[in-house]
Amino acid sequence: MSKKFWLMKSEPSECSVQSVLAMPDRRVDWFGIRNYQARNFMRDEMSVDDKVLFYHSSCKEPGIAGLARVASTAHPDETQFDPNSDYYDPKSTRENPRWVCVDIEVLEAVSVIGIAELRKYPELAQMQILKKGNRLSITPLTEQEYRFIIRLIRKDS
C-alpha cells in the first residue's frame, strides 16, 4: 500500500512538537478529534508510516513546526469515555466508540513555516489549509505538496 501524506494541526498549548519530543518514545495519541471527516481520515485512510507535517495553530507563530509519522493504526480515543474530559461524549460506548485516534511519532522539530510563507508558492495553492474557511485539524496532502515543503524545510536548515 502506498504511503499517504497529512497535515495535522494542534494548539501548542495542548500538544506541541517540543512537548512530544520530550517524551521518552516521542509519541502521542492524537486525541480529541470531534469532526467526522477528520475522524474518518484517521480511521479509514491513515496507515502506519504515513508522513505527517505537524502544524501549530492558534498561537503566536502558527505554521508547520515539525515532521512526524503515523505510528499506529486507529484505536478508540480514551477521552470520549472520561466524564471529566473536555472531549467526553456521553453517546459513545466502549462497545461502539464514536471517536478514534492514531499515535503520532515526532521525528524532528523544524523552523516554523507560517501560512503566509506557504501562500507564496503556486505549487501549494491547492493545499486544504490554504483554502478559505478550512477548519479541519487533519487534511491530506499530495505527495508533491509534501515533497515541496520538505525542500523548503531543508533549504532553511
C-alpha atoms as a PDB file:
ATOM      1  CA  MET A   1       0.000   0.000   0.000  1.00  0.00           C
ATOM      2  CA  SER A   2       1.371   3.412  -0.885  1.00  0.00           C
ATOM      3  CA  LYS A   3       2.028   5.885   1.866  1.00  0.00           C
ATOM      4  CA  LYS A   4      -0.085   8.979   2.320  1.00  0.00           C
ATOM      5  CA  PHE A   5       0.773  12.466   3.481  1.00  0.00           C
ATOM      6  CA  TRP A   6      -1.041  14.549   6.098  1.00  0.00           C
ATOM      7  CA  LEU A   7      -1.018  17.938   7.755  1.00  0.00           C
ATOM      8  CA  MET A   8      -2.156  17.675  11.378  1.00  0.00           C
ATOM      9  CA  LYS A   9      -2.883  20.764  13.449  1.00  0.00           C
ATOM     10  CA  SER A  10      -2.522  21.076  17.193  1.00  0.00           C
ATOM     11  CA  GLU A  11      -2.537  24.019  19.535  1.00  0.00           C
ATOM     12  CA  PRO A  12       0.932  24.028  21.108  1.00  0.00           C
ATOM     13  CA  SER A  13      -0.597  24.900  24.481  1.00  0.00           C
ATOM     14  CA  GLU A  14      -2.255  21.455  24.335  1.00  0.00           C
ATOM     15  CA  CYS A  15       0.332  19.443  22.378  1.00  0.00           C
ATOM     16  CA  SER A  16       3.459  20.865  20.775  1.00  0.00           C
ATOM     17  CA  VAL A  17       6.267  19.370  18.726  1.00  0.00           C
ATOM     18  CA  GLN A  18       8.649  20.172  21.590  1.00  0.00           C
ATOM     19  CA  SER A  19       6.445  18.526  24.237  1.00  0.00           C
ATOM     20  CA  VAL A  20       6.234  15.315  22.199  1.00  0.00           C
ATOM     21  CA  LEU A  21       9.979  15.317  21.515  1.00  0.00           C
ATOM     22  CA  ALA A  22      10.496  15.496  25.294  1.00  0.00           C
ATOM     23  CA  MET A  23       8.554  12.240  25.779  1.00  0.00           C
ATOM     24  CA  PRO A  24      10.663   9.064  26.048  1.00  0.00           C
ATOM     25  CA  ASP A  25       9.182   7.482  22.900  1.00  0.00           C
ATOM     26  CA  ARG A  26       8.400  10.806  21.121  1.00  0.00           C
ATOM     27  CA  ARG A  27       4.826   9.583  20.569  1.00  0.00           C
ATOM     28  CA  VAL A  28       1.418  10.980  21.380  1.00  0.00           C
ATOM     29  CA  ASP A  29      -2.081   9.787  20.679  1.00  0.00           C
ATOM     30  CA  TRP A  30      -3.874  12.357  18.529  1.00  0.00           C
ATOM     31  CA  PHE A  31      -6.856  12.654  20.864  1.00  0.00           C
ATOM     32  CA  GLY A  32      -9.798  14.991  20.936  1.00  0.00           C
ATOM     33  CA  ILE A  33     -10.785  14.980  17.262  1.00  0.00           C
ATOM     34  CA  ARG A  34     -14.543  15.586  17.162  1.00  0.00           C
ATOM     35  CA  ASN A  35     -15.069  16.176  13.471  1.00  0.00           C
ATOM     36  CA  TYR A  36     -16.377  13.227  11.460  1.00  0.00           C
ATOM     37  CA  GLN A  37     -14.299  13.934   8.357  1.00  0.00           C
ATOM     38  CA  ALA A  38     -11.055  14.175  10.359  1.00  0.00           C
ATOM     39  CA  ARG A  39     -12.050  11.042  12.303  1.00  0.00           C
ATOM     40  CA  ASN A  40     -12.676   9.199   9.036  1.00  0.00           C
ATOM     41  CA  PHE A  41      -9.224  10.171   7.756  1.00  0.00           C
ATOM     42  CA  MET A  42      -7.683   8.551  10.843  1.00  0.00           C
ATOM     43  CA  ARG A  43      -9.988   5.536  10.855  1.00  0.00           C
ATOM     44  CA  ASP A  44     -10.178   4.773   7.143  1.00  0.00           C
ATOM     45  CA  GLU A  45      -7.185   6.272   5.382  1.00  0.00           C
ATOM     46  CA  MET A  46      -4.174   6.577   7.682  1.00  0.00           C
ATOM     47  CA  SER A  47      -1.577   3.824   7.814  1.00  0.00           C
ATOM     48  CA  VAL A  48       1.499   3.290   9.933  1.00  0.00           C
ATOM     49  CA  ASP A  49       4.450   5.225   8.495  1.00  0.00           C
ATOM     50  CA  ASP A  50       2.347   7.774   6.608  1.00  0.00           C
ATOM     51  CA  LYS A  51       4.203  11.099   6.624  1.00  0.00           C
ATOM     52  CA  VAL A  52       2.901  13.984   8.746  1.00  0.00           C
ATOM     53  CA  LEU A  53       3.564  17.711   8.818  1.00  0.00           C
ATOM     54  CA  PHE A  54       2.906  18.772  12.431  1.00  0.00           C
ATOM     55  CA  TYR A  55       1.282  22.213  12.371  1.00  0.00           C
ATOM     56  CA  HIS A  56       0.991  24.552  15.368  1.00  0.00           C
ATOM     57  CA  SER A  57      -2.291  26.509  15.296  1.00  0.00           C
ATOM     58  CA  SER A  58      -3.944  29.184  17.447  1.00  0.00           C
ATOM     59  CA  CYS A  59      -0.615  30.510  18.676  1.00  0.00           C
ATOM     60  CA  LYS A  60       1.773  33.439  18.221  1.00  0.00           C
ATOM     61  CA  GLU A  61       3.510  31.846  15.219  1.00  0.00           C
ATOM     62  CA  PRO A  62       1.165  29.338  13.517  1.00  0.00           C
ATOM     63  CA  GLY A  63       2.726  27.065  10.946  1.00  0.00           C
ATOM     64  CA  ILE A  64       4.475  23.804  10.199  1.00  0.00           C
ATOM     65  CA  ALA A  65       6.684  23.152  13.214  1.00  0.00           C
ATOM     66  CA  GLY A  66       7.737  19.538  12.858  1.00  0.00           C
ATOM     67  CA  LEU A  67       7.957  16.340  10.899  1.00  0.00           C
ATOM     68  CA  ALA A  68       6.249  13.214  12.154  1.00  0.00           C
ATOM     69  CA  ARG A  69       4.861   9.870  11.097  1.00  0.00           C
ATOM     70  CA  VAL A  70       1.733   7.892  11.847  1.00  0.00           C
ATOM     71  CA  ALA A  71       2.887   5.329  14.418  1.00  0.00           C
ATOM     72  CA  SER A  72      -0.263   3.236  14.968  1.00  0.00           C
ATOM     73  CA  THR A  73      -3.499   2.234  13.378  1.00  0.00           C
ATOM     74  CA  ALA A  74      -6.672   3.912  14.605  1.00  0.00           C
ATOM     75  CA  HIS A  75      -7.852   2.966  18.089  1.00  0.00           C
ATOM     76  CA  PRO A  76     -10.562   4.340  20.396  1.00  0.00           C
ATOM     77  CA  ASP A  77      -9.874   7.818  21.781  1.00  0.00           C
ATOM     78  CA  GLU A  78      -9.992   7.241  25.530  1.00  0.00           C
ATOM     79  CA  THR A  79     -11.012  10.849  26.251  1.00  0.00           C
ATOM     80  CA  GLN A  80     -14.513  10.143  24.899  1.00  0.00           C
ATOM     81  CA  PHE A  81     -15.190   7.865  27.899  1.00  0.00           C
ATOM     82  CA  ASP A  82     -13.918  10.253  30.612  1.00  0.00           C
ATOM     83  CA  PRO A  83     -16.690  12.439  32.055  1.00  0.00           C
ATOM     84  CA  ASN A  84     -14.007  14.834  33.340  1.00  0.00           C
ATOM     85  CA  SER A  85     -12.518  15.370  29.883  1.00  0.00           C
ATOM     86  CA  ASP A  86     -13.338  18.277  27.595  1.00  0.00           C
ATOM     87  CA  TYR A  87     -13.679  15.609  24.893  1.00  0.00           C
ATOM     88  CA  TYR A  88     -16.201  13.407  26.749  1.00  0.00           C
ATOM     89  CA  ASP A  89     -19.009  12.078  24.582  1.00  0.00           C
ATOM     90  CA  PRO A  90     -21.887  10.581  26.583  1.00  0.00           C
ATOM     91  CA  LYS A  91     -23.265   8.911  23.437  1.00  0.00           C
ATOM     92  CA  SER A  92     -20.075   6.921  22.916  1.00  0.00           C
ATOM     93  CA  THR A  93     -19.641   3.490  24.490  1.00  0.00           C
ATOM     94  CA  ARG A  94     -16.736   1.073  24.692  1.00  0.00           C
ATOM     95  CA  GLU A  95     -18.805  -1.372  22.621  1.00  0.00           C
ATOM     96  CA  ASN A  96     -19.488   1.285  19.982  1.00  0.00           C
ATOM     97  CA  PRO A  97     -16.912   4.102  20.215  1.00  0.00           C
ATOM     98  CA  ARG A  98     -17.632   7.121  18.035  1.00  0.00           C
ATOM     99  CA  TRP A  99     -14.152   8.637  18.116  1.00  0.00           C
ATOM    100  CA  VAL A 100     -10.720   7.286  17.282  1.00  0.00           C
ATOM    101  CA  CYS A 101      -7.161   8.495  17.350  1.00  0.00           C
ATOM    102  CA  VAL A 102      -3.819   7.410  15.948  1.00  0.00           C
ATOM    103  CA  ASP A 103      -0.428   7.639  17.575  1.00  0.00           C
ATOM    104  CA  ILE A 104       1.941  10.163  16.051  1.00  0.00           C
ATOM    105  CA  GLU A 105       5.718   9.933  16.439  1.00  0.00           C
ATOM    106  CA  VAL A 106       7.503  13.244  16.082  1.00  0.00           C
ATOM    107  CA  LEU A 107      10.733  12.842  14.149  1.00  0.00           C
ATOM    108  CA  GLU A 108      12.097  16.381  14.381  1.00  0.00           C
ATOM    109  CA  ALA A 109      11.264  19.997  15.052  1.00  0.00           C
ATOM    110  CA  VAL A 110      11.792  22.431  12.174  1.00  0.00           C
ATOM    111  CA  SER A 111      11.932  26.195  11.798  1.00  0.00           C
ATOM    112  CA  VAL A 112       8.302  27.230  11.591  1.00  0.00           C
ATOM    113  CA  ILE A 113       6.944  27.725   8.087  1.00  0.00           C
ATOM    114  CA  GLY A 114       3.958  30.025   8.513  1.00  0.00           C
ATOM    115  CA  ILE A 115       0.795  30.278   6.492  1.00  0.00           C
ATOM    116  CA  ALA A 116       1.972  33.471   4.763  1.00  0.00           C
ATOM    117  CA  GLU A 117       5.099  31.649   3.581  1.00  0.00           C
ATOM    118  CA  LEU A 118       3.048  28.714   2.293  1.00  0.00           C
ATOM    119  CA  ARG A 119       0.781  31.088   0.369  1.00  0.00           C
ATOM    120  CA  LYS A 120       3.769  32.423  -1.627  1.00  0.00           C
ATOM    121  CA  TYR A 121       4.147  29.250  -3.675  1.00  0.00           C
ATOM    122  CA  PRO A 122       1.814  28.384  -6.571  1.00  0.00           C
ATOM    123  CA  GLU A 123       2.851  24.732  -6.072  1.00  0.00           C
ATOM    124  CA  LEU A 124       0.933  24.797  -2.770  1.00  0.00           C
ATOM    125  CA  ALA A 125      -2.147  26.745  -3.919  1.00  0.00           C
ATOM    126  CA  GLN A 126      -4.437  23.701  -3.660  1.00  0.00           C
ATOM    127  CA  MET A 127      -3.469  22.760  -0.090  1.00  0.00           C
ATOM    128  CA  GLN A 128      -6.589  22.418   2.055  1.00  0.00           C
ATOM    129  CA  ILE A 129      -5.127  24.564   4.833  1.00  0.00           C
ATOM    130  CA  LEU A 130      -4.822  27.484   2.409  1.00  0.00           C
ATOM    131  CA  LYS A 131      -8.453  27.314   1.287  1.00  0.00           C
ATOM    132  CA  LYS A 132     -10.874  29.854   2.665  1.00  0.00           C
ATOM    133  CA  GLY A 133     -12.981  28.529   5.522  1.00  0.00           C
ATOM    134  CA  ASN A 134     -10.900  25.398   6.133  1.00  0.00           C
ATOM    135  CA  ARG A 135     -11.179  24.457   9.787  1.00  0.00           C
ATOM    136  CA  LEU A 136     -10.216  20.790   9.654  1.00  0.00           C
ATOM    137  CA  SER A 137      -7.424  19.789  12.006  1.00  0.00           C
ATOM    138  CA  ILE A 138      -6.353  16.929   9.728  1.00  0.00           C
ATOM    139  CA  THR A 139      -6.028  17.373   5.985  1.00  0.00           C
ATOM    140  CA  PRO A 140      -4.493  15.213   3.283  1.00  0.00           C
ATOM    141  CA  LEU A 141      -1.545  16.435   1.240  1.00  0.00           C
ATOM    142  CA  THR A 142      -0.441  15.331  -2.173  1.00  0.00           C
ATOM    143  CA  GLU A 143       2.981  13.764  -2.394  1.00  0.00           C
ATOM    144  CA  GLN A 144       4.075  16.763  -4.476  1.00  0.00           C
ATOM    145  CA  GLU A 145       2.936  19.239  -1.784  1.00  0.00           C
ATOM    146  CA  TYR A 146       4.688  17.247   0.926  1.00  0.00           C
ATOM    147  CA  ARG A 147       7.951  16.973  -1.019  1.00  0.00           C
ATOM    148  CA  PHE A 148       7.869  20.689  -1.928  1.00  0.00           C
ATOM    149  CA  ILE A 149       7.501  21.613   1.760  1.00  0.00           C
ATOM    150  CA  ILE A 150      10.314  19.241   2.723  1.00  0.00           C
ATOM    151  CA  ARG A 151      12.537  21.043   0.187  1.00  0.00           C
ATOM    152  CA  LEU A 152      11.570  24.370   1.814  1.00  0.00           C
ATOM    153  CA  ILE A 153      12.433  22.991   5.240  1.00  0.00           C
ATOM    154  CA  ARG A 154      15.784  21.567   4.141  1.00  0.00           C
ATOM    155  CA  LYS A 155      16.705  24.762   2.279  1.00  0.00           C
ATOM    156  CA  ASP A 156      16.258  26.767   5.507  1.00  0.00           C
ATOM    157  CA  SER A 157      18.253  24.419   7.728  1.00  0.00           C
END
